[in-house]
Amino acid sequence: MTITTDDGLQLHTRHWPATAAERGQLIVVHGLGEHSGRYAPVATLLAAQGWDVHGWDQRGHGRSEGKRGDIPDPEALLRDLARVIDTVRKPDSRLALLGHSMGGLVAARFAAEALSPQPAAWSRPLNGLVLSSPALDAGLSGAQKLALALTENLAPGLAVGNGLKPDWICRDPAVVQAYVADPLVHDRITARLTRFIVEAGERVIADAPRWALPTLLMWAGADRCVAPRGSEAFAANAPAQVLATRPWPGLFHEIFNEPEKAEVLGVLTAWLGR
């Protein structure tokens, strides 16, 4: 199935129906340069526990249309997520988002909109949120911030390499090899998308003290793709009654693919079960 965006792009979707008594719905939001198919093992596990799992390739990613690594405006990915929710949501079903890396940022920024005095038209109610190594702090250096400002003025839609090394994603060589060989993975990013990542992360962290959505936040302590301090800042400021946190010292960025993934997934499923 495909979903049409408000500007006419076709977004490729994936569905893992619940294979046990249904407990609710979960939408997976993938990260920069990858696609929703990489979450099949996690989705299959959750489906076996009664979760109706959906995913989609974000614009400019995977099998979806759109310029690789680009967005037309800062709210494009958020409007796309609203389209996905409207398409797959079942009446009277609980719905949670599970976002990783940039997908975690998109999911968190989407949830944060509900805290606005006048939420945007794309805002939708949620019942829960899971964040995996979210890109709440992109970890840009001073030189990178200067380069971003210059590129925004000169060529905001120019797609360049994102500077992330495949070896940074996981300590399992097989995972890295599969990532490198995956024809649906790319390393492109534009200044427009980079600016969204920076500003959305700042917005989410600023909103942390007012957070009201039940949220599980897990992050990799040895992450070199995003700065762990973004998750640490959110964890330090969000209300403890709605936020469960679990840092994973020593793990690389893709915590669901690390050698300790069974333990990570155990924390995820236990929290969802509650």
C-alpha atoms as a PDB file:
ATOM      1  CA  MET A   1       0.000   0.000   0.000  1.00  0.00           C
ATOM      2  CA  THR A   2       1.107   3.561  -0.652  1.00  0.00           C
ATOM      3  CA  ILE A   3      -0.002   6.799   0.967  1.00  0.00           C
ATOM      4  CA  THR A   4      -0.139  10.084  -0.944  1.00  0.00           C
ATOM      5  CA  THR A   5       1.339  13.153   0.728  1.00  0.00           C
ATOM      6  CA  ASP A   6      -0.272  16.586   0.567  1.00  0.00           C
ATOM      7  CA  ASP A   7       2.200  17.520  -2.184  1.00  0.00           C
ATOM      8  CA  GLY A   8       1.544  14.393  -4.241  1.00  0.00           C
ATOM      9  CA  LEU A   9       4.403  12.037  -3.324  1.00  0.00           C
ATOM     10  CA  GLN A  10       3.796   8.311  -2.947  1.00  0.00           C
ATOM     11  CA  LEU A  11       5.008   6.906   0.381  1.00  0.00           C
ATOM     12  CA  HIS A  12       5.726   3.174   0.601  1.00  0.00           C
ATOM     13  CA  THR A  13       4.219   1.462   3.672  1.00  0.00           C
ATOM     14  CA  ARG A  14       4.744  -1.849   5.476  1.00  0.00           C
ATOM     15  CA  HIS A  15       2.381  -3.709   7.803  1.00  0.00           C
ATOM     16  CA  TRP A  16       3.016  -6.431  10.363  1.00  0.00           C
ATOM     17  CA  PRO A  17      -0.457  -7.488  11.619  1.00  0.00           C
ATOM     18  CA  ALA A  18      -0.816  -8.729  15.173  1.00  0.00           C
ATOM     19  CA  THR A  19      -0.541 -12.517  15.365  1.00  0.00           C
ATOM     20  CA  ALA A  20      -1.874 -12.659  18.938  1.00  0.00           C
ATOM     21  CA  ALA A  21      -4.835 -10.994  20.633  1.00  0.00           C
ATOM     22  CA  GLU A  22      -4.517  -7.370  19.579  1.00  0.00           C
ATOM     23  CA  ARG A  23      -3.355  -4.952  22.289  1.00  0.00           C
ATOM     24  CA  GLY A  24      -3.005  -1.776  20.246  1.00  0.00           C
ATOM     25  CA  GLN A  25      -1.227  -0.208  17.307  1.00  0.00           C
ATOM     26  CA  LEU A  26       2.381   0.837  16.869  1.00  0.00           C
ATOM     27  CA  ILE A  27       3.832   2.979  14.071  1.00  0.00           C
ATOM     28  CA  VAL A  28       7.573   2.718  13.415  1.00  0.00           C
ATOM     29  CA  VAL A  29       9.386   5.890  12.319  1.00  0.00           C
ATOM     30  CA  HIS A  30      12.790   5.059  10.812  1.00  0.00           C
ATOM     31  CA  GLY A  31      15.967   7.119  10.828  1.00  0.00           C
ATOM     32  CA  LEU A  32      18.023   9.148   8.375  1.00  0.00           C
ATOM     33  CA  GLY A  33      19.128   7.374   5.208  1.00  0.00           C
ATOM     34  CA  GLU A  34      17.453   4.050   5.988  1.00  0.00           C
ATOM     35  CA  HIS A  35      13.931   2.617   5.574  1.00  0.00           C
ATOM     36  CA  SER A  36      11.157   0.876   7.484  1.00  0.00           C
ATOM     37  CA  GLY A  37      12.097  -2.573   6.197  1.00  0.00           C
ATOM     38  CA  ARG A  38      15.118  -2.604   8.505  1.00  0.00           C
ATOM     39  CA  TYR A  39      12.696  -2.850  11.447  1.00  0.00           C
ATOM     40  CA  ALA A  40      11.107  -6.141  10.343  1.00  0.00           C
ATOM     41  CA  PRO A  41      12.667  -8.177  13.209  1.00  0.00           C
ATOM     42  CA  VAL A  42      11.423  -5.729  15.859  1.00  0.00           C
ATOM     43  CA  ALA A  43       8.010  -5.425  14.209  1.00  0.00           C
ATOM     44  CA  THR A  44       7.612  -9.200  13.902  1.00  0.00           C
ATOM     45  CA  LEU A  45       8.420  -9.648  17.596  1.00  0.00           C
ATOM     46  CA  LEU A  46       5.901  -6.994  18.603  1.00  0.00           C
ATOM     47  CA  ALA A  47       3.249  -8.420  16.267  1.00  0.00           C
ATOM     48  CA  ALA A  48       3.638 -11.770  18.009  1.00  0.00           C
ATOM     49  CA  GLN A  49       2.853  -9.997  21.273  1.00  0.00           C
ATOM     50  CA  GLY A  50      -0.366  -8.527  19.937  1.00  0.00           C
ATOM     51  CA  TRP A  51       0.722  -5.227  18.440  1.00  0.00           C
ATOM     52  CA  ASP A  52      -0.568  -4.157  15.031  1.00  0.00           C
ATOM     53  CA  VAL A  53       2.615  -2.637  13.604  1.00  0.00           C
ATOM     54  CA  HIS A  54       2.886  -0.257  10.677  1.00  0.00           C
ATOM     55  CA  GLY A  55       5.870   1.475   9.107  1.00  0.00           C
ATOM     56  CA  TRP A  56       6.566   3.630   6.090  1.00  0.00           C
ATOM     57  CA  ASP A  57       9.566   4.912   4.207  1.00  0.00           C
ATOM     58  CA  GLN A  58       9.771   8.629   4.879  1.00  0.00           C
ATOM     59  CA  ARG A  59       9.885  10.959   1.878  1.00  0.00           C
ATOM     60  CA  GLY A  60      13.257  10.857   0.189  1.00  0.00           C
ATOM     61  CA  HIS A  61      13.979   7.442   1.716  1.00  0.00           C
ATOM     62  CA  GLY A  62      13.666   3.780   0.815  1.00  0.00           C
ATOM     63  CA  ARG A  63      10.971   2.998  -1.742  1.00  0.00           C
ATOM     64  CA  SER A  64       9.141   6.289  -1.237  1.00  0.00           C
ATOM     65  CA  GLU A  65       9.258   9.172  -3.664  1.00  0.00           C
ATOM     66  CA  GLY A  66      11.034  12.448  -3.021  1.00  0.00           C
ATOM     67  CA  LYS A  67      14.522  13.843  -3.377  1.00  0.00           C
ATOM     68  CA  ARG A  68      16.946  11.785  -1.305  1.00  0.00           C
ATOM     69  CA  GLY A  69      17.597  13.364   2.095  1.00  0.00           C
ATOM     70  CA  ASP A  70      15.580  16.513   1.469  1.00  0.00           C
ATOM     71  CA  ILE A  71      12.362  18.139   2.680  1.00  0.00           C
ATOM     72  CA  PRO A  72      10.464  21.041   1.079  1.00  0.00           C
ATOM     73  CA  ASP A  73       9.714  22.735   4.415  1.00  0.00           C
ATOM     74  CA  PRO A  74      10.178  22.155   8.180  1.00  0.00           C
ATOM     75  CA  GLU A  75       6.768  20.521   8.720  1.00  0.00           C
ATOM     76  CA  ALA A  76       6.762  18.118   5.750  1.00  0.00           C
ATOM     77  CA  LEU A  77       7.790  15.017   7.710  1.00  0.00           C
ATOM     78  CA  LEU A  78       5.265  15.869  10.432  1.00  0.00           C
ATOM     79  CA  ARG A  79       2.412  16.242   7.949  1.00  0.00           C
ATOM     80  CA  ASP A  80       3.443  12.935   6.375  1.00  0.00           C
ATOM     81  CA  LEU A  81       3.253  11.223   9.770  1.00  0.00           C
ATOM     82  CA  ALA A  82      -0.248  12.613  10.276  1.00  0.00           C
ATOM     83  CA  ARG A  83      -1.250  11.135   6.902  1.00  0.00           C
ATOM     84  CA  VAL A  84       0.071   7.743   7.976  1.00  0.00           C
ATOM     85  CA  ILE A  85      -1.809   7.911  11.278  1.00  0.00           C
ATOM     86  CA  ASP A  86      -5.054   8.893   9.566  1.00  0.00           C
ATOM     87  CA  THR A  87      -4.681   6.012   7.116  1.00  0.00           C
ATOM     88  CA  VAL A  88      -3.888   3.150   9.508  1.00  0.00           C
ATOM     89  CA  ARG A  89      -5.519   4.159  12.797  1.00  0.00           C
ATOM     90  CA  LYS A  90      -8.367   1.946  13.959  1.00  0.00           C
ATOM     91  CA  PRO A  91     -11.295   3.382  15.949  1.00  0.00           C
ATOM     92  CA  ASP A  92     -10.931   2.955  19.721  1.00  0.00           C
ATOM     93  CA  SER A  93      -7.425   1.455  19.399  1.00  0.00           C
ATOM     94  CA  ARG A  94      -4.489   2.663  21.454  1.00  0.00           C
ATOM     95  CA  LEU A  95      -1.717   4.087  19.263  1.00  0.00           C
ATOM     96  CA  ALA A  96       1.958   4.587  20.049  1.00  0.00           C
ATOM     97  CA  LEU A  97       4.908   5.750  17.959  1.00  0.00           C
ATOM     98  CA  LEU A  98       8.313   4.065  17.981  1.00  0.00           C
ATOM     99  CA  GLY A  99      10.962   6.311  16.484  1.00  0.00           C
ATOM    100  CA  HIS A 100      14.678   5.706  16.024  1.00  0.00           C
ATOM    101  CA  SER A 101      17.356   8.378  15.469  1.00  0.00           C
ATOM    102  CA  MET A 102      15.906  11.011  13.114  1.00  0.00           C
ATOM    103  CA  GLY A 103      12.672   9.049  13.314  1.00  0.00           C
ATOM    104  CA  GLY A 104      12.763   9.452  17.083  1.00  0.00           C
ATOM    105  CA  LEU A 105      13.162  13.175  16.586  1.00  0.00           C
ATOM    106  CA  VAL A 106      10.221  13.272  14.152  1.00  0.00           C
ATOM    107  CA  ALA A 107       8.061  11.271  16.568  1.00  0.00           C
ATOM    108  CA  ALA A 108       9.036  13.428  19.555  1.00  0.00           C
ATOM    109  CA  ARG A 109       8.497  16.683  17.661  1.00  0.00           C
ATOM    110  CA  PHE A 110       5.106  15.370  16.527  1.00  0.00           C
ATOM    111  CA  ALA A 111       4.163  14.582  20.131  1.00  0.00           C
ATOM    112  CA  ALA A 112       5.435  17.961  21.356  1.00  0.00           C
ATOM    113  CA  GLU A 113       2.977  19.807  19.129  1.00  0.00           C
ATOM    114  CA  ALA A 114       0.132  18.759  21.435  1.00  0.00           C
ATOM    115  CA  LEU A 115       1.667  21.045  24.073  1.00  0.00           C
ATOM    116  CA  SER A 116       1.212  24.135  21.887  1.00  0.00           C
ATOM    117  CA  PRO A 117      -1.551  26.619  22.820  1.00  0.00           C
ATOM    118  CA  GLN A 118      -2.876  26.197  19.275  1.00  0.00           C
ATOM    119  CA  PRO A 119      -1.567  22.908  17.827  1.00  0.00           C
ATOM    120  CA  ALA A 120      -0.956  22.709  14.083  1.00  0.00           C
ATOM    121  CA  ALA A 121      -3.552  21.073  11.854  1.00  0.00           C
ATOM    122  CA  TRP A 122      -1.336  17.979  11.565  1.00  0.00           C
ATOM    123  CA  SER A 123      -1.293  17.313  15.321  1.00  0.00           C
ATOM    124  CA  ARG A 124      -2.928  14.017  16.351  1.00  0.00           C
ATOM    125  CA  PRO A 125      -3.554  12.448  19.785  1.00  0.00           C
ATOM    126  CA  LEU A 126      -1.229   9.631  20.860  1.00  0.00           C
ATOM    127  CA  ASN A 127      -1.278   7.111  23.700  1.00  0.00           C
ATOM    128  CA  GLY A 128       2.436   6.449  23.973  1.00  0.00           C
ATOM    129  CA  LEU A 129       5.898   7.154  22.582  1.00  0.00           C
ATOM    130  CA  VAL A 130       9.086   5.099  22.347  1.00  0.00           C
ATOM    131  CA  LEU A 131      12.340   6.869  21.461  1.00  0.00           C
ATOM    132  CA  SER A 132      15.443   4.910  20.443  1.00  0.00           C
ATOM    133  CA  SER A 133      18.667   6.942  20.254  1.00  0.00           C
ATOM    134  CA  PRO A 134      16.649   9.984  19.119  1.00  0.00           C
ATOM    135  CA  ALA A 135      18.458  12.781  17.284  1.00  0.00           C
ATOM    136  CA  LEU A 136      17.569  15.404  19.891  1.00  0.00           C
ATOM    137  CA  ASP A 137      21.106  16.775  19.557  1.00  0.00           C
ATOM    138  CA  ALA A 138      22.750  16.311  16.180  1.00  0.00           C
ATOM    139  CA  GLY A 139      26.163  16.921  17.733  1.00  0.00           C
ATOM    140  CA  LEU A 140      27.208  19.589  15.242  1.00  0.00           C
ATOM    141  CA  SER A 141      30.543  21.262  15.850  1.00  0.00           C
ATOM    142  CA  GLY A 142      31.016  25.019  15.593  1.00  0.00           C
ATOM    143  CA  ALA A 143      32.476  24.616  12.129  1.00  0.00           C
ATOM    144  CA  GLN A 144      29.554  22.449  11.035  1.00  0.00           C
ATOM    145  CA  LYS A 145      27.056  25.013  12.319  1.00  0.00           C
ATOM    146  CA  LEU A 146      28.837  27.724  10.345  1.00  0.00           C
ATOM    147  CA  ALA A 147      28.859  25.551   7.228  1.00  0.00           C
ATOM    148  CA  LEU A 148      25.139  24.883   7.691  1.00  0.00           C
ATOM    149  CA  ALA A 149      24.374  28.603   7.861  1.00  0.00           C
ATOM    150  CA  LEU A 150      26.373  29.258   4.689  1.00  0.00           C
ATOM    151  CA  THR A 151      24.841  26.329   2.783  1.00  0.00           C
ATOM    152  CA  GLU A 152      21.325  27.367   3.789  1.00  0.00           C
ATOM    153  CA  ASN A 153      21.871  30.696   2.061  1.00  0.00           C
ATOM    154  CA  LEU A 154      23.679  29.405  -1.021  1.00  0.00           C
ATOM    155  CA  ALA A 155      22.207  25.961  -1.747  1.00  0.00           C
ATOM    156  CA  PRO A 156      19.580  24.817   0.779  1.00  0.00           C
ATOM    157  CA  GLY A 157      18.506  21.891  -1.409  1.00  0.00           C
ATOM    158  CA  LEU A 158      21.970  20.577  -2.259  1.00  0.00           C
ATOM    159  CA  ALA A 159      22.237  16.949  -1.115  1.00  0.00           C
ATOM    160  CA  VAL A 160      25.644  16.039   0.321  1.00  0.00           C
ATOM    161  CA  GLY A 161      27.077  13.149   2.317  1.00  0.00           C
ATOM    162  CA  ASN A 162      25.825  13.083   5.910  1.00  0.00           C
ATOM    163  CA  GLY A 163      29.288  12.329   7.312  1.00  0.00           C
ATOM    164  CA  LEU A 164      28.136   9.271   9.266  1.00  0.00           C
ATOM    165  CA  LYS A 165      30.266   6.145   8.970  1.00  0.00           C
ATOM    166  CA  PRO A 166      28.497   2.775   8.651  1.00  0.00           C
ATOM    167  CA  ASP A 167      30.771   1.309  11.338  1.00  0.00           C
ATOM    168  CA  TRP A 168      29.180   3.695  13.833  1.00  0.00           C
ATOM    169  CA  ILE A 169      25.713   2.161  13.668  1.00  0.00           C
ATOM    170  CA  CYS A 170      26.396  -1.168  15.370  1.00  0.00           C
ATOM    171  CA  ARG A 171      29.100  -3.370  16.915  1.00  0.00           C
ATOM    172  CA  ASP A 172      27.828  -6.398  14.966  1.00  0.00           C
ATOM    173  CA  PRO A 173      29.819  -6.607  11.692  1.00  0.00           C
ATOM    174  CA  ALA A 174      26.979  -8.506   9.978  1.00  0.00           C
ATOM    175  CA  VAL A 175      24.567  -5.638  10.630  1.00  0.00           C
ATOM    176  CA  VAL A 176      27.056  -3.126   9.231  1.00  0.00           C
ATOM    177  CA  GLN A 177      27.711  -5.297   6.153  1.00  0.00           C
ATOM    178  CA  ALA A 178      23.970  -5.634   5.464  1.00  0.00           C
ATOM    179  CA  TYR A 179      23.525  -1.879   5.882  1.00  0.00           C
ATOM    180  CA  VAL A 180      26.302  -1.111   3.386  1.00  0.00           C
ATOM    181  CA  ALA A 181      24.927  -3.630   0.886  1.00  0.00           C
ATOM    182  CA  ASP A 182      21.314  -2.433   1.177  1.00  0.00           C
ATOM    183  CA  PRO A 183      20.376  -0.623  -2.073  1.00  0.00           C
ATOM    184  CA  LEU A 184      17.594   1.274  -0.251  1.00  0.00           C
ATOM    185  CA  VAL A 185      20.059   2.925   2.175  1.00  0.00           C
ATOM    186  CA  HIS A 186      21.607   6.274   1.237  1.00  0.00           C
ATOM    187  CA  ASP A 187      23.848   8.876   2.880  1.00  0.00           C
ATOM    188  CA  ARG A 188      22.319  12.074   1.471  1.00  0.00           C
ATOM    189  CA  ILE A 189      21.172  15.123   3.442  1.00  0.00           C
ATOM    190  CA  THR A 190      20.438  18.756   2.565  1.00  0.00           C
ATOM    191  CA  ALA A 191      20.762  21.925   4.621  1.00  0.00           C
ATOM    192  CA  ARG A 192      16.951  22.101   4.833  1.00  0.00           C
ATOM    193  CA  LEU A 193      16.719  18.704   6.486  1.00  0.00           C
ATOM    194  CA  THR A 194      19.701  19.435   8.739  1.00  0.00           C
ATOM    195  CA  ARG A 195      18.060  22.662   9.935  1.00  0.00           C
ATOM    196  CA  PHE A 196      14.863  20.766  10.732  1.00  0.00           C
ATOM    197  CA  ILE A 197      16.833  18.246  12.806  1.00  0.00           C
ATOM    198  CA  VAL A 198      18.616  20.979  14.755  1.00  0.00           C
ATOM    199  CA  GLU A 199      15.551  23.106  15.478  1.00  0.00           C
ATOM    200  CA  ALA A 200      13.165  20.225  16.169  1.00  0.00           C
ATOM    201  CA  GLY A 201      15.591  18.796  18.720  1.00  0.00           C
ATOM    202  CA  GLU A 202      15.858  22.140  20.468  1.00  0.00           C
ATOM    203  CA  ARG A 203      12.063  22.416  20.553  1.00  0.00           C
ATOM    204  CA  VAL A 204      11.589  18.955  22.070  1.00  0.00           C
ATOM    205  CA  ILE A 205      14.178  19.529  24.796  1.00  0.00           C
ATOM    206  CA  ALA A 206      12.631  22.932  25.606  1.00  0.00           C
ATOM    207  CA  ASP A 207       9.219  21.251  25.954  1.00  0.00           C
ATOM    208  CA  ALA A 208      10.515  18.462  28.218  1.00  0.00           C
ATOM    209  CA  PRO A 209       9.378  20.045  31.526  1.00  0.00           C
ATOM    210  CA  ARG A 210       5.769  20.089  30.259  1.00  0.00           C
ATOM    211  CA  TRP A 211       5.812  16.569  28.802  1.00  0.00           C
ATOM    212  CA  ALA A 212       2.556  14.682  29.408  1.00  0.00           C
ATOM    213  CA  LEU A 213       2.700  11.664  27.062  1.00  0.00           C
ATOM    214  CA  PRO A 214       3.828   8.296  28.504  1.00  0.00           C
ATOM    215  CA  THR A 215       7.276   7.877  26.967  1.00  0.00           C
ATOM    216  CA  LEU A 216      10.082   5.328  26.989  1.00  0.00           C
ATOM    217  CA  LEU A 217      13.455   6.892  26.155  1.00  0.00           C
ATOM    218  CA  MET A 218      16.423   4.609  25.489  1.00  0.00           C
ATOM    219  CA  TRP A 219      19.757   5.740  24.124  1.00  0.00           C
ATOM    220  CA  ALA A 220      23.197   4.410  23.284  1.00  0.00           C
ATOM    221  CA  GLY A 221      25.992   5.595  25.540  1.00  0.00           C
ATOM    222  CA  ALA A 222      28.673   5.116  22.870  1.00  0.00           C
ATOM    223  CA  ASP A 223      26.666   6.785  20.090  1.00  0.00           C
ATOM    224  CA  ARG A 224      28.638   8.638  17.418  1.00  0.00           C
ATOM    225  CA  CYS A 225      25.720   9.201  15.025  1.00  0.00           C
ATOM    226  CA  VAL A 226      23.844  11.529  17.380  1.00  0.00           C
ATOM    227  CA  ALA A 227      24.956  13.144  20.630  1.00  0.00           C
ATOM    228  CA  PRO A 228      23.744  11.224  23.721  1.00  0.00           C
ATOM    229  CA  ARG A 229      23.593  14.538  25.584  1.00  0.00           C
ATOM    230  CA  GLY A 230      20.342  15.319  23.763  1.00  0.00           C
ATOM    231  CA  SER A 231      18.618  12.344  25.377  1.00  0.00           C
ATOM    232  CA  GLU A 232      20.304  13.113  28.688  1.00  0.00           C
ATOM    233  CA  ALA A 233      18.978  16.680  28.623  1.00  0.00           C
ATOM    234  CA  PHE A 234      15.438  15.528  27.879  1.00  0.00           C
ATOM    235  CA  ALA A 235      15.619  12.863  30.596  1.00  0.00           C
ATOM    236  CA  ALA A 236      16.843  15.394  33.147  1.00  0.00           C
ATOM    237  CA  ASN A 237      13.943  17.769  32.545  1.00  0.00           C
ATOM    238  CA  ALA A 238      10.859  15.687  31.696  1.00  0.00           C
ATOM    239  CA  PRO A 239       8.449  14.681  34.506  1.00  0.00           C
ATOM    240  CA  ALA A 240       9.394  11.318  35.996  1.00  0.00           C
ATOM    241  CA  GLN A 241       5.759  10.225  36.208  1.00  0.00           C
ATOM    242  CA  VAL A 242       5.439  10.043  32.406  1.00  0.00           C
ATOM    243  CA  LEU A 243       9.020   9.253  31.367  1.00  0.00           C
ATOM    244  CA  ALA A 244      10.834   5.931  31.668  1.00  0.00           C
ATOM    245  CA  THR A 245      14.520   6.105  30.747  1.00  0.00           C
ATOM    246  CA  ARG A 246      17.175   3.540  30.009  1.00  0.00           C
ATOM    247  CA  PRO A 247      20.671   4.516  28.894  1.00  0.00           C
ATOM    248  CA  TRP A 248      22.758   1.698  27.442  1.00  0.00           C
ATOM    249  CA  PRO A 249      26.440   2.427  28.212  1.00  0.00           C
ATOM    250  CA  GLY A 250      28.833   1.041  25.638  1.00  0.00           C
ATOM    251  CA  LEU A 251      26.195   0.374  22.976  1.00  0.00           C
ATOM    252  CA  PHE A 252      26.366   1.895  19.500  1.00  0.00           C
ATOM    253  CA  HIS A 253      23.580   3.813  17.780  1.00  0.00           C
ATOM    254  CA  GLU A 254      21.230   1.013  16.671  1.00  0.00           C
ATOM    255  CA  ILE A 255      20.370  -0.447  20.058  1.00  0.00           C
ATOM    256  CA  PHE A 256      17.819  -2.883  18.565  1.00  0.00           C
ATOM    257  CA  ASN A 257      20.603  -4.440  16.454  1.00  0.00           C
ATOM    258  CA  GLU A 258      23.401  -4.548  19.027  1.00  0.00           C
ATOM    259  CA  PRO A 259      24.651  -7.860  20.505  1.00  0.00           C
ATOM    260  CA  GLU A 260      22.613  -6.975  23.625  1.00  0.00           C
ATOM    261  CA  LYS A 261      19.422  -6.579  21.575  1.00  0.00           C
ATOM    262  CA  ALA A 262      17.522  -9.274  23.510  1.00  0.00           C
ATOM    263  CA  GLU A 263      17.868  -7.228  26.692  1.00  0.00           C
ATOM    264  CA  VAL A 264      16.968  -3.991  24.890  1.00  0.00           C
ATOM    265  CA  LEU A 265      13.875  -5.565  23.347  1.00  0.00           C
ATOM    266  CA  GLY A 266      12.945  -6.974  26.742  1.00  0.00           C
ATOM    267  CA  VAL A 267      12.821  -3.458  28.179  1.00  0.00           C
ATOM    268  CA  LEU A 268      10.746  -2.306  25.200  1.00  0.00           C
ATOM    269  CA  THR A 269       8.173  -5.087  25.403  1.00  0.00           C
ATOM    270  CA  ALA A 270       7.871  -4.825  29.186  1.00  0.00           C
ATOM    271  CA  TRP A 271       7.169  -1.100  28.950  1.00  0.00           C
ATOM    272  CA  LEU A 272       4.627  -1.554  26.149  1.00  0.00           C
ATOM    273  CA  GLY A 273       2.953  -4.266  28.185  1.00  0.00           C
ATOM    274  CA  ARG A 274       2.416  -1.809  31.027  1.00  0.00           C
END
